[in-house]
Amino acid sequence: MPKIKVIIPAYNEQDSIANVVRDIPKNVEEIIVVNNNSTDDTVKNATKAGATVLTENNKGYGYACLKGMEYIAKLNEKPDIIVFLDGDYSDYPEELTKLTAPIINDDIDFVIGSRIKRLREGGSMTPQQVFGNWLATFLMKLFFGAKFTDLGPFRAIKYNKLVGLNMLDKTYGWTVEMQLKALKQKLTYIEVPVKYKQRIGVSKVSGTVKGTIFAGFKILGWIFKYSFKK
């Protein structure tokens, strides 16, 4: 069986993180929770649930993801697949097997968990999230012929392909950067429909005006940067 590791960025997710860790399928080799400057019991609860807990004091989604990758890069044995998952329990961690199946069975490089409307709980995505996803994926289709319909954070990718992307974004542009670079490098990719429910706690991005605006600028910035990059 392929070796799978999960990276979960977490900022003040004390009420949800243990649920996320415990619901991840047992075939996962290691669950890495990256504490991103939390001020609550996120670290305690993640550790108790059985996760490897790292700390990244620079606040930002990308910073946390890069910390997890840095840790994995130093291991003697590298995984075959990396799965990224949020710590707010809005995704269904047990669906990880659906995301990794195309990689394992069909040699696909990159899989996005698509939060399609019929599988979303009412109110689980804000109007600005829905619009932002539509706009970003529309522009990727327009400029690159992409078939993405979502920027979903629940995603799986071959480890060697992830390393080859040379990820750079430190904050909200992480997901779209990965998709744009996958397109540029002509990775094979597919979307898998996943269920989505209302998160536990308040979103640090869509739950604030500042977070929404900043995320929007970052996402559009990456798209236009790559649109004009030779």
Protein backbone atom coordinates (compact mmCIF):
# COMPACT_ATOMS: atom_id res chain seq x y z
CA MET A 1 0.00 0.00 0.00
CA PRO A 2 1.23 3.53 -0.68
CA LYS A 3 2.43 5.60 2.24
CA ILE A 4 0.03 8.48 2.95
CA LYS A 5 0.62 11.44 5.22
CA VAL A 6 -1.91 14.15 6.05
CA ILE A 7 -1.09 17.81 6.72
CA ILE A 8 -3.67 19.83 8.67
CA PRO A 9 -3.08 23.57 9.24
CA ALA A 10 -4.80 24.58 12.47
CA TYR A 11 -5.36 27.94 14.13
CA ASN A 12 -7.56 27.89 17.24
CA GLU A 13 -9.41 24.69 16.33
CA GLN A 14 -9.61 23.19 19.83
CA ASP A 15 -13.27 22.18 19.43
CA SER A 16 -12.84 20.39 16.11
CA ILE A 17 -9.30 19.12 15.67
CA ALA A 18 -9.69 15.89 17.63
CA ASN A 19 -12.75 14.95 15.55
CA VAL A 20 -10.80 15.55 12.34
CA VAL A 21 -7.82 13.46 13.46
CA ARG A 22 -9.95 10.57 14.74
CA ASP A 23 -12.06 10.33 11.58
CA ILE A 24 -9.09 9.99 9.23
CA PRO A 25 -8.86 6.40 7.86
CA LYS A 26 -6.41 4.08 9.57
CA ASN A 27 -4.41 3.41 6.41
CA VAL A 28 -2.82 6.87 6.81
CA GLU A 29 0.75 6.55 8.02
CA GLU A 30 0.96 9.86 9.88
CA ILE A 31 -1.30 12.82 10.62
CA ILE A 32 0.57 16.10 10.96
CA VAL A 33 -1.24 19.00 12.60
CA VAL A 34 0.56 22.31 12.19
CA ASN A 35 -0.34 24.62 15.05
CA ASN A 36 -0.38 28.08 13.48
CA ASN A 37 0.01 30.29 16.55
CA SER A 38 -3.09 29.00 18.35
CA THR A 39 -3.99 30.49 21.71
CA ASP A 40 -6.38 27.72 22.78
CA ASP A 41 -6.06 23.95 23.38
CA THR A 42 -5.52 22.98 19.75
CA VAL A 43 -2.09 21.49 20.47
CA LYS A 44 -3.27 19.55 23.52
CA ASN A 45 -6.33 18.12 21.77
CA ALA A 46 -4.49 17.22 18.56
CA THR A 47 -1.74 15.48 20.49
CA LYS A 48 -4.22 13.56 22.60
CA ALA A 49 -6.01 12.43 19.44
CA GLY A 50 -2.77 10.92 18.13
CA ALA A 51 -1.41 13.51 15.71
CA THR A 52 2.16 14.66 15.27
CA VAL A 53 2.00 18.34 16.21
CA LEU A 54 4.33 20.96 14.77
CA THR A 55 4.33 24.69 15.50
CA GLU A 56 4.56 27.49 12.94
CA ASN A 57 4.47 30.91 14.57
CA ASN A 58 4.20 32.85 11.31
CA LYS A 59 0.46 33.16 10.79
CA GLY A 60 -0.79 32.08 7.41
CA TYR A 61 -2.31 29.00 5.77
CA GLY A 62 0.62 28.63 3.41
CA TYR A 63 3.14 29.02 6.21
CA ALA A 64 1.50 26.10 8.02
CA CYS A 65 1.42 23.89 4.93
CA LEU A 66 5.06 24.64 4.16
CA LYS A 67 6.00 23.74 7.74
CA GLY A 68 4.42 20.34 7.29
CA MET A 69 6.28 19.82 4.03
CA GLU A 70 9.56 20.89 5.62
CA TYR A 71 9.08 18.27 8.34
CA ILE A 72 8.37 15.53 5.77
CA ALA A 73 11.39 16.52 3.66
CA LYS A 74 13.67 15.71 6.61
CA LEU A 75 12.31 12.19 7.10
CA ASN A 76 14.39 9.25 5.91
CA GLU A 77 11.39 7.57 4.29
CA LYS A 78 9.21 9.80 2.15
CA PRO A 79 5.48 9.23 1.62
CA ASP A 80 3.90 8.48 -1.73
CA ILE A 81 0.87 10.72 -1.25
CA ILE A 82 0.21 13.91 0.71
CA VAL A 83 -3.33 14.88 1.68
CA PHE A 84 -4.20 18.41 2.81
CA LEU A 85 -7.22 18.83 5.04
CA ASP A 86 -8.62 21.70 7.11
CA GLY A 87 -8.90 21.41 10.88
CA ASP A 88 -12.40 22.84 11.23
CA TYR A 89 -14.34 19.59 10.59
CA SER A 90 -16.19 21.02 7.59
CA ASP A 91 -14.93 18.18 5.41
CA TYR A 92 -15.56 14.50 6.07
CA PRO A 93 -12.10 13.05 6.79
CA GLU A 94 -13.29 9.51 6.10
CA GLU A 95 -13.66 10.53 2.44
CA LEU A 96 -9.87 10.63 2.19
CA THR A 97 -10.03 7.20 0.56
CA LYS A 98 -12.11 8.72 -2.28
CA LEU A 99 -9.43 11.34 -2.91
CA THR A 100 -6.50 8.95 -2.89
CA ALA A 101 -8.19 6.24 -4.99
CA PRO A 102 -7.55 7.93 -8.39
CA ILE A 103 -3.87 8.29 -7.49
CA ILE A 104 -3.53 4.70 -6.33
CA ASN A 105 -5.70 3.03 -8.97
CA ASP A 106 -5.35 5.28 -12.02
CA ASP A 107 -1.96 6.95 -11.52
CA ILE A 108 -3.52 10.45 -11.40
CA ASP A 109 -1.11 13.07 -10.04
CA PHE A 110 -3.47 15.46 -8.25
CA VAL A 111 -7.01 15.21 -6.86
CA ILE A 112 -9.29 18.01 -5.62
CA GLY A 113 -12.25 17.36 -3.34
CA SER A 114 -14.99 19.34 -5.07
CA ARG A 115 -17.65 20.77 -2.75
CA ILE A 116 -20.55 20.45 -5.18
CA LYS A 117 -23.87 22.03 -4.27
CA ARG A 118 -25.91 18.85 -3.89
CA LEU A 119 -23.47 17.51 -1.29
CA ARG A 120 -23.08 20.76 0.68
CA GLU A 121 -24.94 21.41 3.89
CA GLY A 122 -26.94 24.64 3.74
CA GLY A 123 -24.90 27.59 4.95
CA SER A 124 -21.62 25.69 4.89
CA MET A 125 -20.18 28.06 2.27
CA THR A 126 -20.78 31.79 2.39
CA PRO A 127 -22.01 33.63 -0.72
CA GLN A 128 -18.58 35.23 -1.11
CA GLN A 129 -16.93 31.78 -1.01
CA VAL A 130 -19.28 30.43 -3.67
CA PHE A 131 -18.72 33.47 -5.90
CA GLY A 132 -14.97 33.47 -5.30
CA ASN A 133 -14.71 29.81 -6.28
CA TRP A 134 -16.77 30.40 -9.40
CA LEU A 135 -14.72 33.43 -10.46
CA ALA A 136 -11.34 31.79 -9.82
CA THR A 137 -12.22 28.57 -11.64
CA PHE A 138 -13.85 30.51 -14.50
CA LEU A 139 -10.65 32.51 -14.99
CA MET A 140 -8.53 29.35 -14.88
CA LYS A 141 -10.78 27.84 -17.54
CA LEU A 142 -10.59 31.02 -19.63
CA PHE A 143 -6.81 31.42 -19.44
CA PHE A 144 -5.62 27.82 -19.18
CA GLY A 145 -8.48 25.60 -20.34
CA ALA A 146 -8.69 24.15 -16.82
CA LYS A 147 -11.53 21.87 -15.74
CA PHE A 148 -11.46 22.82 -12.07
CA THR A 149 -14.76 23.80 -10.44
CA ASP A 150 -13.49 24.39 -6.90
CA LEU A 151 -10.51 25.56 -4.84
CA GLY A 152 -11.36 23.01 -2.16
CA PRO A 153 -8.75 22.62 0.59
CA PHE A 154 -9.34 18.85 0.84
CA ARG A 155 -6.87 17.55 -1.75
CA ALA A 156 -4.41 14.76 -2.44
CA ILE A 157 -1.24 14.83 -4.52
CA LYS A 158 1.72 12.56 -5.23
CA TYR A 159 4.55 13.63 -2.94
CA ASN A 160 7.15 13.93 -5.70
CA LYS A 161 4.79 16.07 -7.78
CA LEU A 162 4.10 18.33 -4.79
CA VAL A 163 7.83 18.88 -4.24
CA GLY A 164 8.24 19.68 -7.92
CA LEU A 165 5.66 22.48 -7.69
CA ASN A 166 8.03 24.53 -5.50
CA MET A 167 5.16 26.02 -3.50
CA LEU A 168 5.74 29.58 -2.31
CA ASP A 169 2.53 31.25 -1.09
CA LYS A 170 2.47 31.90 2.65
CA THR A 171 -1.17 32.83 3.13
CA TYR A 172 -4.50 32.52 1.32
CA GLY A 173 -3.17 31.90 -2.18
CA TRP A 174 -1.85 28.44 -1.36
CA THR A 175 -4.70 26.42 -2.92
CA VAL A 176 -4.90 28.36 -6.18
CA GLU A 177 -1.10 28.43 -6.52
CA MET A 178 -1.04 24.64 -6.35
CA GLN A 179 -3.72 24.35 -9.02
CA LEU A 180 -2.06 26.88 -11.33
CA LYS A 181 1.33 25.20 -11.03
CA ALA A 182 -0.26 21.80 -11.62
CA LEU A 183 -1.70 23.19 -14.84
CA LYS A 184 1.61 24.74 -15.89
CA GLN A 185 3.47 21.50 -15.26
CA LYS A 186 0.76 19.50 -17.01
CA LEU A 187 0.04 17.23 -14.08
CA THR A 188 -2.85 14.87 -14.53
CA TYR A 189 -5.71 15.88 -12.28
CA ILE A 190 -9.30 15.08 -11.45
CA GLU A 191 -12.01 16.35 -9.12
CA VAL A 192 -13.90 14.05 -6.78
CA PRO A 193 -17.24 15.23 -5.32
CA VAL A 194 -17.10 15.42 -1.53
CA LYS A 195 -19.59 16.25 1.19
CA TYR A 196 -19.22 19.52 3.07
CA LYS A 197 -20.83 20.75 6.28
CA GLN A 198 -20.84 23.83 8.45
CA ARG A 199 -17.52 24.22 10.19
CA ILE A 200 -17.04 24.26 13.94
CA GLY A 201 -16.20 27.82 15.01
CA VAL A 202 -15.77 30.93 12.88
CA SER A 203 -13.78 30.95 9.65
CA LYS A 204 -10.58 32.99 9.79
CA VAL A 205 -10.99 33.86 6.10
CA SER A 206 -14.61 34.04 4.96
CA GLY A 207 -15.78 34.85 8.48
CA THR A 208 -14.22 38.32 8.37
CA VAL A 209 -14.40 41.16 5.85
CA LYS A 210 -10.62 41.62 5.97
CA GLY A 211 -9.97 37.92 5.43
CA THR A 212 -12.40 37.73 2.52
CA ILE A 213 -10.93 40.75 0.73
CA PHE A 214 -7.32 39.67 1.30
CA ALA A 215 -8.01 36.12 0.13
CA GLY A 216 -9.75 37.44 -2.97
CA PHE A 217 -6.81 39.67 -3.91
CA LYS A 218 -4.32 36.85 -3.33
CA ILE A 219 -6.25 34.38 -5.45
CA LEU A 220 -6.78 36.79 -8.33
CA GLY A 221 -3.17 37.93 -8.05
CA TRP A 222 -1.86 34.40 -8.60
CA ILE A 223 -4.19 33.82 -11.55
CA PHE A 224 -3.21 37.02 -13.36
CA LYS A 225 0.46 36.48 -12.54
CA TYR A 226 0.41 33.10 -14.25
CA SER A 227 -1.79 34.32 -17.09
CA PHE A 228 0.95 36.68 -18.26
CA LYS A 229 3.92 34.52 -17.30
CA LYS A 230 5.73 32.86 -20.16
